Amino acid sequence: MITSEQVRAARALLRWEQKDLAEASKISLPSIKRLEGQPGALAAQDRTADAIKAAFGHAGVTFLEDGEVSSGGAGVRLAKASTVDTDESETIQYPEFKDGDGGPGSGG
């Protein structure tokens, strides 16, 4: 299962516009726009998703499932969002940086 985010990322890697994907996959441009506009798993029939994946595959893009590792060229991957919130009591703020008088090069 691929996501709309993966489709947009794949297009960006190839520098394709939506019309380029529509032409390569033989899926209508309005359908591509609709599918990319919905977050999460691609809300498409299997044959539509397969056509999109095949078009990208012919252009050299490989989709990875969650936790899947693949050999090959350079690529990108979206990490899972952190579920840990910052506890402000654990944050250290040095006075010289907080007050903005840390001197030259201190970033304050």
PDB file of N, CA and C in Angstrom:
ATOM      1  N   MET A   1       0.843  -1.178   0.000  1.00  0.00           N
ATOM      2  CA  MET A   1       0.000   0.000   0.000  1.00  0.00           C
ATOM      3  C   MET A   1       0.891   1.244   0.000  1.00  0.00           C
ATOM      4  N   ILE A   2       0.678   2.137  -0.930  1.00  0.00           N
ATOM      5  CA  ILE A   2       1.429   3.383  -0.975  1.00  0.00           C
ATOM      6  C   ILE A   2       0.532   4.528  -0.500  1.00  0.00           C
ATOM      7  N   THR A   3       1.163   5.609  -0.102  1.00  0.00           N
ATOM      8  CA  THR A   3       0.424   6.754   0.399  1.00  0.00           C
ATOM      9  C   THR A   3       0.489   7.916  -0.584  1.00  0.00           C
ATOM     10  N   SER A   4      -0.403   8.850  -0.406  1.00  0.00           N
ATOM     11  CA  SER A   4      -0.383  10.045  -1.258  1.00  0.00           C
ATOM     12  C   SER A   4       0.908  10.830  -1.034  1.00  0.00           C
ATOM     13  N   GLU A   5       1.429  10.783   0.181  1.00  0.00           N
ATOM     14  CA  GLU A   5       2.689  11.457   0.475  1.00  0.00           C
ATOM     15  C   GLU A   5       3.840  10.825  -0.310  1.00  0.00           C
ATOM     16  N   GLN A   6       3.824   9.497  -0.435  1.00  0.00           N
ATOM     17  CA  GLN A   6       4.858   8.814  -1.214  1.00  0.00           C
ATOM     18  C   GLN A   6       4.748   9.177  -2.698  1.00  0.00           C
ATOM     19  N   VAL A   7       3.537   9.303  -3.183  1.00  0.00           N
ATOM     20  CA  VAL A   7       3.341   9.659  -4.589  1.00  0.00           C
ATOM     21  C   VAL A   7       3.896  11.052  -4.855  1.00  0.00           C
ATOM     22  N   ARG A   8       3.583  12.003  -3.968  1.00  0.00           N
ATOM     23  CA  ARG A   8       4.106  13.364  -4.148  1.00  0.00           C
ATOM     24  C   ARG A   8       5.626  13.390  -4.047  1.00  0.00           C
ATOM     25  N   ALA A   9       6.181  12.612  -3.117  1.00  0.00           N
ATOM     26  CA  ALA A   9       7.635  12.550  -2.970  1.00  0.00           C
ATOM     27  C   ALA A   9       8.278  11.927  -4.204  1.00  0.00           C
ATOM     28  N   ALA A  10       7.678  10.883  -4.739  1.00  0.00           N
ATOM     29  CA  ALA A  10       8.207  10.230  -5.938  1.00  0.00           C
ATOM     30  C   ALA A  10       8.188  11.197  -7.118  1.00  0.00           C
ATOM     31  N   ARG A  11       7.113  11.951  -7.248  1.00  0.00           N
ATOM     32  CA  ARG A  11       7.053  12.948  -8.327  1.00  0.00           C
ATOM     33  C   ARG A  11       8.148  13.987  -8.154  1.00  0.00           C
ATOM     34  N   ALA A  12       8.375  14.396  -6.912  1.00  0.00           N
ATOM     35  CA  ALA A  12       9.415  15.399  -6.650  1.00  0.00           C
ATOM     36  C   ALA A  12      10.798  14.859  -7.015  1.00  0.00           C
ATOM     37  N   LEU A  13      11.065  13.582  -6.701  1.00  0.00           N
ATOM     38  CA  LEU A  13      12.355  12.980  -7.047  1.00  0.00           C
ATOM     39  C   LEU A  13      12.597  13.004  -8.551  1.00  0.00           C
ATOM     40  N   LEU A  14      11.525  12.806  -9.305  1.00  0.00           N
ATOM     41  CA  LEU A  14      11.639  12.763 -10.762  1.00  0.00           C
ATOM     42  C   LEU A  14      11.433  14.133 -11.410  1.00  0.00           C
ATOM     43  N   ARG A  15      11.049  15.094 -10.587  1.00  0.00           N
ATOM     44  CA  ARG A  15      10.696  16.429 -11.090  1.00  0.00           C
ATOM     45  C   ARG A  15       9.534  16.351 -12.076  1.00  0.00           C
ATOM     46  N   TRP A  16       8.604  15.477 -11.751  1.00  0.00           N
ATOM     47  CA  TRP A  16       7.406  15.317 -12.548  1.00  0.00           C
ATOM     48  C   TRP A  16       6.313  16.215 -12.007  1.00  0.00           C
ATOM     49  N   GLU A  17       5.511  16.745 -12.891  1.00  0.00           N
ATOM     50  CA  GLU A  17       4.286  17.409 -12.501  1.00  0.00           C
ATOM     51  C   GLU A  17       3.189  16.350 -12.499  1.00  0.00           C
ATOM     52  N   GLN A  18       2.038  16.706 -11.968  1.00  0.00           N
ATOM     53  CA  GLN A  18       0.943  15.738 -11.937  1.00  0.00           C
ATOM     54  C   GLN A  18       0.581  15.270 -13.340  1.00  0.00           C
ATOM     55  N   LYS A  19       0.669  16.146 -14.311  1.00  0.00           N
ATOM     56  CA  LYS A  19       0.328  15.755 -15.688  1.00  0.00           C
ATOM     57  C   LYS A  19       1.309  14.714 -16.222  1.00  0.00           C
ATOM     58  N   ASP A  20       2.575  14.785 -15.784  1.00  0.00           N
ATOM     59  CA  ASP A  20       3.559  13.782 -16.211  1.00  0.00           C
ATOM     60  C   ASP A  20       3.207  12.403 -15.655  1.00  0.00           C
ATOM     61  N   LEU A  21       2.784  12.378 -14.393  1.00  0.00           N
ATOM     62  CA  LEU A  21       2.364  11.107 -13.796  1.00  0.00           C
ATOM     63  C   LEU A  21       1.108  10.586 -14.480  1.00  0.00           C
ATOM     64  N   ALA A  22       0.182  11.475 -14.779  1.00  0.00           N
ATOM     65  CA  ALA A  22      -1.052  11.071 -15.469  1.00  0.00           C
ATOM     66  C   ALA A  22      -0.727  10.431 -16.813  1.00  0.00           C
ATOM     67  N   GLU A  23       0.178  11.040 -17.555  1.00  0.00           N
ATOM     68  CA  GLU A  23       0.560  10.493 -18.865  1.00  0.00           C
ATOM     69  C   GLU A  23       1.266   9.150 -18.723  1.00  0.00           C
ATOM     70  N   ALA A  24       2.202   9.062 -17.772  1.00  0.00           N
ATOM     71  CA  ALA A  24       2.980   7.832 -17.614  1.00  0.00           C
ATOM     72  C   ALA A  24       2.140   6.671 -17.095  1.00  0.00           C
ATOM     73  N   SER A  25       1.160   6.973 -16.261  1.00  0.00           N
ATOM     74  CA  SER A  25       0.351   5.910 -15.656  1.00  0.00           C
ATOM     75  C   SER A  25      -0.951   5.642 -16.402  1.00  0.00           C
ATOM     76  N   LYS A  26      -1.281   6.531 -17.340  1.00  0.00           N
ATOM     77  CA  LYS A  26      -2.548   6.445 -18.077  1.00  0.00           C
ATOM     78  C   LYS A  26      -3.752   6.587 -17.134  1.00  0.00           C
ATOM     79  N   ILE A  27      -3.561   7.367 -16.069  1.00  0.00           N
ATOM     80  CA  ILE A  27      -4.622   7.701 -15.123  1.00  0.00           C
ATOM     81  C   ILE A  27      -4.971   9.164 -15.379  1.00  0.00           C
ATOM     82  N   SER A  28      -6.231   9.514 -15.327  1.00  0.00           N
ATOM     83  CA  SER A  28      -6.634  10.883 -15.641  1.00  0.00           C
ATOM     84  C   SER A  28      -6.030  11.884 -14.654  1.00  0.00           C
ATOM     85  N   LEU A  29      -5.762  13.079 -15.159  1.00  0.00           N
ATOM     86  CA  LEU A  29      -5.195  14.134 -14.322  1.00  0.00           C
ATOM     87  C   LEU A  29      -6.110  14.467 -13.141  1.00  0.00           C
ATOM     88  N   PRO A  30      -7.427  14.598 -13.338  1.00  0.00           N
ATOM     89  CA  PRO A  30      -8.289  14.849 -12.175  1.00  0.00           C
ATOM     90  C   PRO A  30      -8.191  13.745 -11.110  1.00  0.00           C
ATOM     91  N   SER A  31      -8.024  12.503 -11.542  1.00  0.00           N
ATOM     92  CA  SER A  31      -7.884  11.397 -10.583  1.00  0.00           C
ATOM     93  C   SER A  31      -6.579  11.516  -9.806  1.00  0.00           C
ATOM     94  N   ILE A  32      -5.489  11.848 -10.500  1.00  0.00           N
ATOM     95  CA  ILE A  32      -4.194  12.032  -9.833  1.00  0.00           C
ATOM     96  C   ILE A  32      -4.312  13.148  -8.795  1.00  0.00           C
ATOM     97  N   LYS A  33      -4.909  14.267  -9.174  1.00  0.00           N
ATOM     98  CA  LYS A  33      -5.077  15.394  -8.242  1.00  0.00           C
ATOM     99  C   LYS A  33      -5.897  14.978  -7.025  1.00  0.00           C
ATOM    100  N   ARG A  34      -6.982  14.245  -7.250  1.00  0.00           N
ATOM    101  CA  ARG A  34      -7.833  13.805  -6.150  1.00  0.00           C
ATOM    102  C   ARG A  34      -7.084  12.850  -5.219  1.00  0.00           C
ATOM    103  N   LEU A  35      -6.365  11.895  -5.795  1.00  0.00           N
ATOM    104  CA  LEU A  35      -5.646  10.910  -4.987  1.00  0.00           C
ATOM    105  C   LEU A  35      -4.526  11.552  -4.171  1.00  0.00           C
ATOM    106  N   GLU A  36      -3.829  12.497  -4.766  1.00  0.00           N
ATOM    107  CA  GLU A  36      -2.740  13.160  -4.046  1.00  0.00           C
ATOM    108  C   GLU A  36      -3.255  14.107  -2.974  1.00  0.00           C
ATOM    109  N   GLY A  37      -4.482  14.569  -3.122  1.00  0.00           N
ATOM    110  CA  GLY A  37      -5.036  15.527  -2.174  1.00  0.00           C
ATOM    111  C   GLY A  37      -5.538  14.921  -0.885  1.00  0.00           C
ATOM    112  N   GLN A  38      -5.677  13.606  -0.853  1.00  0.00           N
ATOM    113  CA  GLN A  38      -6.175  12.923   0.339  1.00  0.00           C
ATOM    114  C   GLN A  38      -5.000  12.374   1.131  1.00  0.00           C
ATOM    115  N   PRO A  39      -4.874  12.746   2.421  1.00  0.00           N
ATOM    116  CA  PRO A  39      -3.740  12.260   3.216  1.00  0.00           C
ATOM    117  C   PRO A  39      -3.833  10.758   3.497  1.00  0.00           C
ATOM    118  N   GLY A  40      -2.678  10.157   3.696  1.00  0.00           N
ATOM    119  CA  GLY A  40      -2.627   8.750   4.085  1.00  0.00           C
ATOM    120  C   GLY A  40      -2.622   7.798   2.907  1.00  0.00           C
ATOM    121  N   ALA A  41      -3.075   6.582   3.178  1.00  0.00           N
ATOM    122  CA  ALA A  41      -3.069   5.522   2.162  1.00  0.00           C
ATOM    123  C   ALA A  41      -3.814   5.975   0.918  1.00  0.00           C
ATOM    124  N   LEU A  42      -3.246   5.632  -0.212  1.00  0.00           N
ATOM    125  CA  LEU A  42      -3.821   6.031  -1.494  1.00  0.00           C
ATOM    126  C   LEU A  42      -5.208   5.419  -1.633  1.00  0.00           C
ATOM    127  N   ALA A  43      -6.233   6.267  -1.701  1.00  0.00           N
ATOM    128  CA  ALA A  43      -7.624   5.804  -1.786  1.00  0.00           C
ATOM    129  C   ALA A  43      -7.959   5.523  -3.245  1.00  0.00           C
ATOM    130  N   ALA A  44      -7.395   4.435  -3.747  1.00  0.00           N
ATOM    131  CA  ALA A  44      -7.566   4.088  -5.162  1.00  0.00           C
ATOM    132  C   ALA A  44      -7.841   2.598  -5.295  1.00  0.00           C
ATOM    133  N   GLN A  45      -8.463   2.246  -6.410  1.00  0.00           N
ATOM    134  CA  GLN A  45      -8.629   0.834  -6.717  1.00  0.00           C
ATOM    135  C   GLN A  45      -7.245   0.233  -6.950  1.00  0.00           C
ATOM    136  N   ASP A  46      -7.142  -1.070  -6.759  1.00  0.00           N
ATOM    137  CA  ASP A  46      -5.853  -1.747  -6.910  1.00  0.00           C
ATOM    138  C   ASP A  46      -5.222  -1.490  -8.274  1.00  0.00           C
ATOM    139  N   ARG A  47      -6.022  -1.547  -9.331  1.00  0.00           N
ATOM    140  CA  ARG A  47      -5.454  -1.362 -10.673  1.00  0.00           C
ATOM    141  C   ARG A  47      -4.924   0.057 -10.865  1.00  0.00           C
ATOM    142  N   THR A  48      -5.550   1.046 -10.216  1.00  0.00           N
ATOM    143  CA  THR A  48      -5.070   2.422 -10.310  1.00  0.00           C
ATOM    144  C   THR A  48      -3.752   2.577  -9.564  1.00  0.00           C
ATOM    145  N   ALA A  49      -3.708   2.057  -8.346  1.00  0.00           N
ATOM    146  CA  ALA A  49      -2.465   2.115  -7.561  1.00  0.00           C
ATOM    147  C   ALA A  49      -1.350   1.356  -8.267  1.00  0.00           C
ATOM    148  N   ASP A  50      -1.672   0.209  -8.861  1.00  0.00           N
ATOM    149  CA  ASP A  50      -0.668  -0.578  -9.588  1.00  0.00           C
ATOM    150  C   ASP A  50      -0.136   0.195 -10.795  1.00  0.00           C
ATOM    151  N   ALA A  51      -1.015   0.906 -11.492  1.00  0.00           N
ATOM    152  CA  ALA A  51      -0.584   1.697 -12.651  1.00  0.00           C
ATOM    153  C   ALA A  51       0.341   2.834 -12.231  1.00  0.00           C
ATOM    154  N   ILE A  52       0.039   3.450 -11.106  1.00  0.00           N
ATOM    155  CA  ILE A  52       0.889   4.534 -10.595  1.00  0.00           C
ATOM    156  C   ILE A  52       2.242   3.981 -10.179  1.00  0.00           C
ATOM    157  N   LYS A  53       2.228   2.876  -9.428  1.00  0.00           N
ATOM    158  CA  LYS A  53       3.489   2.260  -9.005  1.00  0.00           C
ATOM    159  C   LYS A  53       4.315   1.806 -10.214  1.00  0.00           C
ATOM    160  N   ALA A  54       3.671   1.258 -11.220  1.00  0.00           N
ATOM    161  CA  ALA A  54       4.381   0.800 -12.413  1.00  0.00           C
ATOM    162  C   ALA A  54       5.012   1.971 -13.157  1.00  0.00           C
ATOM    163  N   ALA A  55       4.282   3.074 -13.259  1.00  0.00           N
ATOM    164  CA  ALA A  55       4.832   4.252 -13.938  1.00  0.00           C
ATOM    165  C   ALA A  55       6.077   4.744 -13.224  1.00  0.00           C
ATOM    166  N   PHE A  56       6.015   4.802 -11.912  1.00  0.00           N
ATOM    167  CA  PHE A  56       7.190   5.219 -11.146  1.00  0.00           C
ATOM    168  C   PHE A  56       8.298   4.174 -11.236  1.00  0.00           C
ATOM    169  N   GLY A  57       7.939   2.907 -11.223  1.00  0.00           N
ATOM    170  CA  GLY A  57       8.931   1.841 -11.331  1.00  0.00           C
ATOM    171  C   GLY A  57       9.705   1.926 -12.632  1.00  0.00           C
ATOM    172  N   HIS A  58       9.022   2.205 -13.726  1.00  0.00           N
ATOM    173  CA  HIS A  58       9.696   2.346 -15.019  1.00  0.00           C
ATOM    174  C   HIS A  58      10.645   3.541 -15.023  1.00  0.00           C
ATOM    175  N   ALA A  59      10.338   4.528 -14.182  1.00  0.00           N
ATOM    176  CA  ALA A  59      11.188   5.720 -14.099  1.00  0.00           C
ATOM    177  C   ALA A  59      12.293   5.564 -13.052  1.00  0.00           C
ATOM    178  N   GLY A  60      12.312   4.414 -12.348  1.00  0.00           N
ATOM    179  CA  GLY A  60      13.396   4.146 -11.407  1.00  0.00           C
ATOM    180  C   GLY A  60      13.086   4.395  -9.947  1.00  0.00           C
ATOM    181  N   VAL A  61      11.825   4.619  -9.604  1.00  0.00           N
ATOM    182  CA  VAL A  61      11.449   4.877  -8.213  1.00  0.00           C
ATOM    183  C   VAL A  61      10.958   3.580  -7.574  1.00  0.00           C
ATOM    184  N   THR A  62      11.448   3.301  -6.373  1.00  0.00           N
ATOM    185  CA  THR A  62      11.028   2.143  -5.604  1.00  0.00           C
ATOM    186  C   THR A  62      10.316   2.621  -4.352  1.00  0.00           C
ATOM    187  N   PHE A  63       9.164   2.046  -4.050  1.00  0.00           N
ATOM    188  CA  PHE A  63       8.427   2.379  -2.838  1.00  0.00           C
ATOM    189  C   PHE A  63       8.785   1.390  -1.748  1.00  0.00           C
ATOM    190  N   LEU A  64       8.990   1.883  -0.542  1.00  0.00           N
ATOM    191  CA  LEU A  64       9.313   1.037   0.600  1.00  0.00           C
ATOM    192  C   LEU A  64       8.140   1.004   1.556  1.00  0.00           C
ATOM    193  N   GLU A  65       7.852  -0.173   2.075  1.00  0.00           N
ATOM    194  CA  GLU A  65       6.830  -0.319   3.106  1.00  0.00           C
ATOM    195  C   GLU A  65       7.447   0.047   4.452  1.00  0.00           C
ATOM    196  N   ASP A  66       6.621   0.269   5.448  1.00  0.00           N
ATOM    197  CA  ASP A  66       7.096   0.590   6.788  1.00  0.00           C
ATOM    198  C   ASP A  66       8.023  -0.513   7.288  1.00  0.00           C
ATOM    199  N   GLY A  67       9.247  -0.156   7.642  1.00  0.00           N
ATOM    200  CA  GLY A  67      10.221  -1.105   8.165  1.00  0.00           C
ATOM    201  C   GLY A  67      11.012  -1.849   7.110  1.00  0.00           C
ATOM    202  N   GLU A  68      10.672  -1.682   5.848  1.00  0.00           N
ATOM    203  CA  GLU A  68      11.356  -2.372   4.765  1.00  0.00           C
ATOM    204  C   GLU A  68      12.705  -1.710   4.480  1.00  0.00           C
ATOM    205  N   VAL A  69      13.692  -2.526   4.208  1.00  0.00           N
ATOM    206  CA  VAL A  69      15.015  -2.039   3.853  1.00  0.00           C
ATOM    207  C   VAL A  69      15.306  -2.512   2.436  1.00  0.00           C
ATOM    208  N   SER A  70      15.891  -1.651   1.642  1.00  0.00           N
ATOM    209  CA  SER A  70      16.153  -1.994   0.255  1.00  0.00           C
ATOM    210  C   SER A  70      17.552  -1.554  -0.131  1.00  0.00           C
ATOM    211  N   SER A  71      18.214  -2.376  -0.919  1.00  0.00           N
ATOM    212  CA  SER A  71      19.500  -1.945  -1.447  1.00  0.00           C
ATOM    213  C   SER A  71      19.228  -1.118  -2.691  1.00  0.00           C
ATOM    214  N   GLY A  72      20.200  -0.413  -3.119  1.00  0.00           N
ATOM    215  CA  GLY A  72      20.015   0.402  -4.313  1.00  0.00           C
ATOM    216  C   GLY A  72      20.654   1.758  -4.137  1.00  0.00           C
ATOM    217  N   GLY A  73      20.204   2.682  -4.934  1.00  0.00           N
ATOM    218  CA  GLY A  73      20.770   4.019  -4.920  1.00  0.00           C
ATOM    219  C   GLY A  73      20.274   4.858  -3.760  1.00  0.00           C
ATOM    220  N   ALA A  74      20.688   6.112  -3.817  1.00  0.00           N
ATOM    221  CA  ALA A  74      20.287   7.059  -2.786  1.00  0.00           C
ATOM    222  C   ALA A  74      18.775   7.224  -2.791  1.00  0.00           C
ATOM    223  N   GLY A  75      18.225   7.563  -1.662  1.00  0.00           N
ATOM    224  CA  GLY A  75      16.788   7.740  -1.581  1.00  0.00           C
ATOM    225  C   GLY A  75      16.393   8.555  -0.376  1.00  0.00           C
ATOM    226  N   VAL A  76      15.119   8.668  -0.167  1.00  0.00           N
ATOM    227  CA  VAL A  76      14.590   9.383   0.985  1.00  0.00           C
ATOM    228  C   VAL A  76      13.579   8.502   1.682  1.00  0.00           C
ATOM    229  N   ARG A  77      13.392   8.778   2.944  1.00  0.00           N
ATOM    230  CA  ARG A  77      12.413   8.035   3.724  1.00  0.00           C
ATOM    231  C   ARG A  77      11.866   8.959   4.784  1.00  0.00           C
ATOM    232  N   LEU A  78      10.583   8.912   5.032  1.00  0.00           N
ATOM    233  CA  LEU A  78       9.943   9.702   6.065  1.00  0.00           C
ATOM    234  C   LEU A  78       9.957   8.901   7.355  1.00  0.00           C
ATOM    235  N   ALA A  79      10.562   9.460   8.384  1.00  0.00           N
ATOM    236  CA  ALA A  79      10.608   8.783   9.679  1.00  0.00           C
ATOM    237  C   ALA A  79       9.267   8.905  10.376  1.00  0.00           C
ATOM    238  N   LYS A  80       8.991   7.977  11.255  1.00  0.00           N
ATOM    239  CA  LYS A  80       7.775   8.068  12.048  1.00  0.00           C
ATOM    240  C   LYS A  80       7.876   9.269  12.968  1.00  0.00           C
ATOM    241  N   ALA A  81       6.762   9.917  13.205  1.00  0.00           N
ATOM    242  CA  ALA A  81       6.737  11.062  14.105  1.00  0.00           C
ATOM    243  C   ALA A  81       7.036  10.597  15.524  1.00  0.00           C
ATOM    244  N   SER A  82       7.730  11.432  16.257  1.00  0.00           N
ATOM    245  CA  SER A  82       8.047  11.118  17.640  1.00  0.00           C
ATOM    246  C   SER A  82       6.787  11.182  18.478  1.00  0.00           C
ATOM    247  N   THR A  83       6.652  10.238  19.387  1.00  0.00           N
ATOM    248  CA  THR A  83       5.506  10.239  20.286  1.00  0.00           C
ATOM    249  C   THR A  83       5.887  10.766  21.657  1.00  0.00           C
ATOM    250  N   VAL A  84       7.142  11.193  21.803  1.00  0.00           N
ATOM    251  CA  VAL A  84       7.633  11.693  23.082  1.00  0.00           C
ATOM    252  C   VAL A  84       7.605  13.211  23.060  1.00  0.00           C
ATOM    253  N   ASP A  85       6.913  13.791  24.002  1.00  0.00           N
ATOM    254  CA  ASP A  85       6.876  15.244  24.112  1.00  0.00           C
ATOM    255  C   ASP A  85       8.021  15.723  24.999  1.00  0.00           C
ATOM    256  N   THR A  86       8.457  16.935  24.781  1.00  0.00           N
ATOM    257  CA  THR A  86       9.514  17.512  25.598  1.00  0.00           C
ATOM    258  C   THR A  86       8.954  17.896  26.953  1.00  0.00           C
ATOM    259  N   ASP A  87       9.652  17.513  27.986  1.00  0.00           N
ATOM    260  CA  ASP A  87       9.280  17.897  29.344  1.00  0.00           C
ATOM    261  C   ASP A  87      10.066  19.158  29.677  1.00  0.00           C
ATOM    262  N   GLU A  88       9.377  20.287  29.814  1.00  0.00           N
ATOM    263  CA  GLU A  88      10.046  21.568  30.051  1.00  0.00           C
ATOM    264  C   GLU A  88      10.908  21.548  31.303  1.00  0.00           C
ATOM    265  N   SER A  89      10.598  20.701  32.277  1.00  0.00           N
ATOM    266  CA  SER A  89      11.407  20.641  33.493  1.00  0.00           C
ATOM    267  C   SER A  89      12.789  20.048  33.205  1.00  0.00           C
ATOM    268  N   GLU A  90      12.935  19.363  32.069  1.00  0.00           N
ATOM    269  CA  GLU A  90      14.215  18.775  31.705  1.00  0.00           C
ATOM    270  C   GLU A  90      15.021  19.660  30.756  1.00  0.00           C
ATOM    271  N   THR A  91      14.462  20.808  30.387  1.00  0.00           N
ATOM    272  CA  THR A  91      15.135  21.711  29.469  1.00  0.00           C
ATOM    273  C   THR A  91      16.100  22.593  30.240  1.00  0.00           C
ATOM    274  N   ILE A  92      17.328  22.669  29.758  1.00  0.00           N
ATOM    275  CA  ILE A  92      18.344  23.512  30.397  1.00  0.00           C
ATOM    276  C   ILE A  92      18.483  24.779  29.579  1.00  0.00           C
ATOM    277  N   GLN A  93      18.333  25.921  30.233  1.00  0.00           N
ATOM    278  CA  GLN A  93      18.517  27.197  29.555  1.00  0.00           C
ATOM    279  C   GLN A  93      19.597  27.959  30.314  1.00  0.00           C
ATOM    280  N   TYR A  94      20.764  28.093  29.707  1.00  0.00           N
ATOM    281  CA  TYR A  94      21.849  28.817  30.343  1.00  0.00           C
ATOM    282  C   TYR A  94      21.534  30.308  30.344  1.00  0.00           C
ATOM    283  N   PRO A  95      21.721  30.974  31.474  1.00  0.00           N
ATOM    284  CA  PRO A  95      21.355  32.388  31.593  1.00  0.00           C
ATOM    285  C   PRO A  95      21.992  33.287  30.538  1.00  0.00           C
ATOM    286  N   GLU A  96      23.259  33.034  30.195  1.00  0.00           N
ATOM    287  CA  GLU A  96      23.914  33.907  29.220  1.00  0.00           C
ATOM    288  C   GLU A  96      23.282  33.824  27.835  1.00  0.00           C
ATOM    289  N   PHE A  97      22.675  32.678  27.526  1.00  0.00           N
ATOM    290  CA  PHE A  97      21.996  32.556  26.240  1.00  0.00           C
ATOM    291  C   PHE A  97      20.548  33.040  26.342  1.00  0.00           C
ATOM    292  N   LYS A  98      19.940  32.783  27.474  1.00  0.00           N
ATOM    293  CA  LYS A  98      18.572  33.206  27.690  1.00  0.00           C
ATOM    294  C   LYS A  98      18.452  34.726  27.681  1.00  0.00           C
ATOM    295  N   ASP A  99      19.396  35.403  28.346  1.00  0.00           N
ATOM    296  CA  ASP A  99      19.343  36.853  28.473  1.00  0.00           C
ATOM    297  C   ASP A  99      19.940  37.574  27.281  1.00  0.00           C
ATOM    298  N   GLY A 100      20.601  36.836  26.392  1.00  0.00           N
ATOM    299  CA  GLY A 100      21.152  37.452  25.193  1.00  0.00           C
ATOM    300  C   GLY A 100      22.437  38.232  25.425  1.00  0.00           C
ATOM    301  N   ASP A 101      23.140  37.966  26.541  1.00  0.00           N
ATOM    302  CA  ASP A 101      24.391  38.701  26.790  1.00  0.00           C
ATOM    303  C   ASP A 101      25.573  37.742  26.922  1.00  0.00           C
ATOM    304  N   GLY A 102      25.566  36.721  26.101  1.00  0.00           N
ATOM    305  CA  GLY A 102      26.625  35.713  26.173  1.00  0.00           C
ATOM    306  C   GLY A 102      27.904  36.129  25.475  1.00  0.00           C
ATOM    307  N   GLY A 103      27.925  37.274  24.861  1.00  0.00           N
ATOM    308  CA  GLY A 103      29.145  37.738  24.185  1.00  0.00           C
ATOM    309  C   GLY A 103      29.190  37.313  22.739  1.00  0.00           C
ATOM    310  N   PRO A 104      30.234  37.734  22.048  1.00  0.00           N
ATOM    311  CA  PRO A 104      30.362  37.437  20.609  1.00  0.00           C
ATOM    312  C   PRO A 104      30.391  35.935  20.339  1.00  0.00           C
ATOM    313  N   GLY A 105      29.643  35.537  19.343  1.00  0.00           N
ATOM    314  CA  GLY A 105      29.649  34.134  18.908  1.00  0.00           C
ATOM    315  C   GLY A 105      28.840  33.212  19.792  1.00  0.00           C
ATOM    316  N   SER A 106      28.150  33.732  20.772  1.00  0.00           N
ATOM    317  CA  SER A 106      27.396  32.869  21.678  1.00  0.00           C
ATOM    318  C   SER A 106      26.011  32.524  21.153  1.00  0.00           C
ATOM    319  N   GLY A 107      25.610  33.218  20.109  1.00  0.00           N
ATOM    320  CA  GLY A 107      24.287  32.952  19.569  1.00  0.00           C
ATOM    321  C   GLY A 107      23.187  33.629  20.354  1.00  0.00           C
ATOM    322  N   GLY A 108      23.532  34.379  21.357  1.00  0.00           N
ATOM    323  CA  GLY A 108      22.517  35.032  22.195  1.00  0.00           C
ATOM    324  C   GLY A 108      22.256  36.367  21.796  1.00  0.00           C
TER     325      GLY A 108
END
